[in-house]
C-alpha atoms as a PDB file:
ATOM      1  CA  MET A   1      -0.008   0.000   0.002  1.00  0.00           C
ATOM      2  CA  ALA A   2       2.783   2.430   0.917  1.00  0.00           C
ATOM      3  CA  GLU A   3       4.623   1.472  -2.261  1.00  0.00           C
ATOM      4  CA  ASP A   4       1.550   2.344  -4.346  1.00  0.00           C
ATOM      5  CA  THR A   5       1.347   5.717  -2.598  1.00  0.00           C
ATOM      6  CA  GLU A   6       5.026   6.383  -3.373  1.00  0.00           C
ATOM      7  CA  ARG A   7       4.607   5.291  -7.008  1.00  0.00           C
ATOM      8  CA  ARG A   8       1.549   7.522  -7.360  1.00  0.00           C
ATOM      9  CA  LYS A   9       3.389  10.492  -5.892  1.00  0.00           C
ATOM     10  CA  ALA A  10       6.336   9.890  -8.248  1.00  0.00           C
ATOM     11  CA  ALA A  11       3.969   9.682 -11.254  1.00  0.00           C
ATOM     12  CA  VAL A  12       2.197  12.910 -10.246  1.00  0.00           C
ATOM     13  CA  ASP A  13       5.590  14.640  -9.848  1.00  0.00           C
ATOM     14  CA  ARG A  14       6.639  13.505 -13.323  1.00  0.00           C
ATOM     15  CA  LEU A  15       3.366  14.765 -14.832  1.00  0.00           C
ATOM     16  CA  LYS A  16       3.755  18.122 -13.074  1.00  0.00           C
ATOM     17  CA  ASN A  17       7.307  18.431 -14.407  1.00  0.00           C
ATOM     18  CA  ARG A  18       6.133  17.726 -17.966  1.00  0.00           C
ATOM     19  CA  ARG A  19       3.305  20.236 -17.657  1.00  0.00           C
ATOM     20  CA  ALA A  20       5.726  22.837 -16.299  1.00  0.00           C
ATOM     21  CA  PHE A  21       7.993  22.184 -19.282  1.00  0.00           C
ATOM     22  CA  GLY A  22       5.101  22.977 -21.636  1.00  0.00           C
ATOM     23  CA  GLN A  23       4.538  26.284 -19.826  1.00  0.00           C
ATOM     24  CA  ASP A  24       8.240  27.084 -20.003  1.00  0.00           C
ATOM     25  CA  LEU A  25       8.274  26.312 -23.719  1.00  0.00           C
ATOM     26  CA  VAL A  26       5.346  28.644 -24.417  1.00  0.00           C
ATOM     27  CA  ALA A  27       7.021  31.433 -22.401  1.00  0.00           C
ATOM     28  CA  PHE A  28      10.291  30.837 -24.296  1.00  0.00           C
ATOM     29  CA  VAL A  29       8.602  31.175 -27.680  1.00  0.00           C
ATOM     30  CA  VAL A  30       6.423  34.186 -26.786  1.00  0.00           C
ATOM     31  CA  VAL A  31       9.125  36.205 -24.995  1.00  0.00           C
ATOM     32  CA  ASN A  32      11.830  35.486 -27.560  1.00  0.00           C
ATOM     33  CA  ALA A  33       9.495  36.243 -30.475  1.00  0.00           C
ATOM     34  CA  GLY A  34       8.831  39.577 -28.786  1.00  0.00           C
ATOM     35  CA  LEU A  35      12.548  40.261 -28.424  1.00  0.00           C
ATOM     36  CA  VAL A  36      13.195  39.394 -32.072  1.00  0.00           C
ATOM     37  CA  PHE A  37      10.310  41.719 -33.008  1.00  0.00           C
ATOM     38  CA  VAL A  38      11.857  44.566 -30.976  1.00  0.00           C
ATOM     39  CA  TRP A  39      15.246  43.864 -32.566  1.00  0.00           C
ATOM     40  CA  ALA A  40      13.715  43.971 -36.084  1.00  0.00           C
ATOM     41  CA  VAL A  41      11.647  47.115 -35.452  1.00  0.00           C
ATOM     42  CA  THR A  42      14.630  48.995 -34.057  1.00  0.00           C
ATOM     43  CA  GLY A  43      16.669  48.450 -37.199  1.00  0.00           C
ATOM     44  CA  GLY A  44      18.166  45.002 -36.868  1.00  0.00           C
ATOM     45  CA  GLY A  45      21.932  45.113 -36.760  1.00  0.00           C
ATOM     46  CA  TYR A  46      23.744  42.939 -34.271  1.00  0.00           C
ATOM     47  CA  PHE A  47      21.425  40.075 -33.331  1.00  0.00           C
ATOM     48  CA  TRP A  48      21.479  40.547 -29.553  1.00  0.00           C
ATOM     49  CA  PRO A  49      18.372  38.366 -28.937  1.00  0.00           C
ATOM     50  CA  GLY A  50      20.563  35.438 -29.878  1.00  0.00           C
ATOM     51  CA  TRP A  51      22.259  35.619 -26.462  1.00  0.00           C
ATOM     52  CA  ILE A  52      18.977  35.344 -24.620  1.00  0.00           C
ATOM     53  CA  ILE A  53      17.611  32.669 -26.930  1.00  0.00           C
ATOM     54  CA  GLY A  54      20.803  30.633 -26.629  1.00  0.00           C
ATOM     55  CA  LEU A  55      21.208  30.845 -22.857  1.00  0.00           C
ATOM     56  CA  TRP A  56      17.519  30.299 -22.121  1.00  0.00           C
ATOM     57  CA  GLY A  57      17.511  27.495 -24.677  1.00  0.00           C
ATOM     58  CA  ILE A  58      20.221  25.659 -22.714  1.00  0.00           C
ATOM     59  CA  GLY A  59      18.034  25.767 -19.639  1.00  0.00           C
ATOM     60  CA  LEU A  60      15.023  24.644 -21.644  1.00  0.00           C
ATOM     61  CA  VAL A  61      16.935  21.646 -23.017  1.00  0.00           C
ATOM     62  CA  MET A  62      17.978  20.692 -19.484  1.00  0.00           C
ATOM     63  CA  HIS A  63      14.325  20.919 -18.355  1.00  0.00           C
ATOM     64  CA  ALA A  64      13.252  18.778 -21.312  1.00  0.00           C
ATOM     65  CA  TRP A  65      15.824  16.188 -20.309  1.00  0.00           C
ATOM     66  CA  SER A  66      14.504  16.000 -16.770  1.00  0.00           C
ATOM     67  CA  ALA A  67      10.867  15.958 -17.899  1.00  0.00           C
ATOM     68  CA  PHE A  68      11.065  13.393 -20.696  1.00  0.00           C
ATOM     69  CA  MET A  69      14.360  11.483 -20.725  1.00  0.00           C
ATOM     70  CA  GLN A  70      15.628  11.063 -17.167  1.00  0.00           C
ATOM     71  CA  ARG A  71      14.388   7.886 -15.591  1.00  0.00           C
ATOM     72  CA  PRO A  72      13.131   7.976 -12.029  1.00  0.00           C
ATOM     73  CA  ILE A  73      15.250   6.638  -9.189  1.00  0.00           C
ATOM     74  CA  THR A  74      14.092   3.156  -8.240  1.00  0.00           C
ATOM     75  CA  GLU A  75      14.435   1.232  -5.002  1.00  0.00           C
ATOM     76  CA  GLU A  76      16.924  -0.990  -6.823  1.00  0.00           C
ATOM     77  CA  ASP A  77      19.058   2.093  -7.591  1.00  0.00           C
ATOM     78  CA  VAL A  78      19.022   3.080  -3.920  1.00  0.00           C
ATOM     79  CA  GLU A  79      19.952  -0.425  -2.779  1.00  0.00           C
ATOM     80  CA  ARG A  80      22.795  -0.602  -5.325  1.00  0.00           C
ATOM     81  CA  GLU A  81      24.140   2.740  -4.120  1.00  0.00           C
ATOM     82  CA  MET A  82      23.924   1.604  -0.490  1.00  0.00           C
ATOM     83  CA  ARG A  83      25.919  -1.558  -1.350  1.00  0.00           C
ATOM     84  CA  ARG A  84      28.590   0.594  -2.987  1.00  0.00           C
ATOM     85  CA  GLY A  85      29.062   2.303   0.350  1.00  0.00           C
ATOM     86  CA  GLY A  86      29.425   5.802  -1.083  1.00  0.00           C
ATOM     87  CA  HIS A  87      31.010   8.291   1.246  1.00  0.00           C
ATOM     88  CA  ALA A  88      29.319  11.543   2.199  1.00  0.00           C
ATOM     89  CA  VAL A  89      31.072  14.763   1.264  1.00  0.00           C
ATOM     90  CA  GLY A  90      31.143  17.651   3.664  1.00  0.00           C
END
């Protein structure tokens, strides 16, 4: 019963992370489209929005990784790590 509760909580957390990624993606597109629009209206020149798009894009890719590619930590993973006897830092 407790295991089902933990699995449910983990599933809900994954769904929330994926939903949050969708919101981040929409914000990324809308804000950066606005910045490119401002850049174009003010005469173009050096493409300064590229810095924001690039840096924010790195964060967005990292969020996508955690939302869609990273597998959850399982009890087997925890047990394996405990057997390794990792040492705490600090």
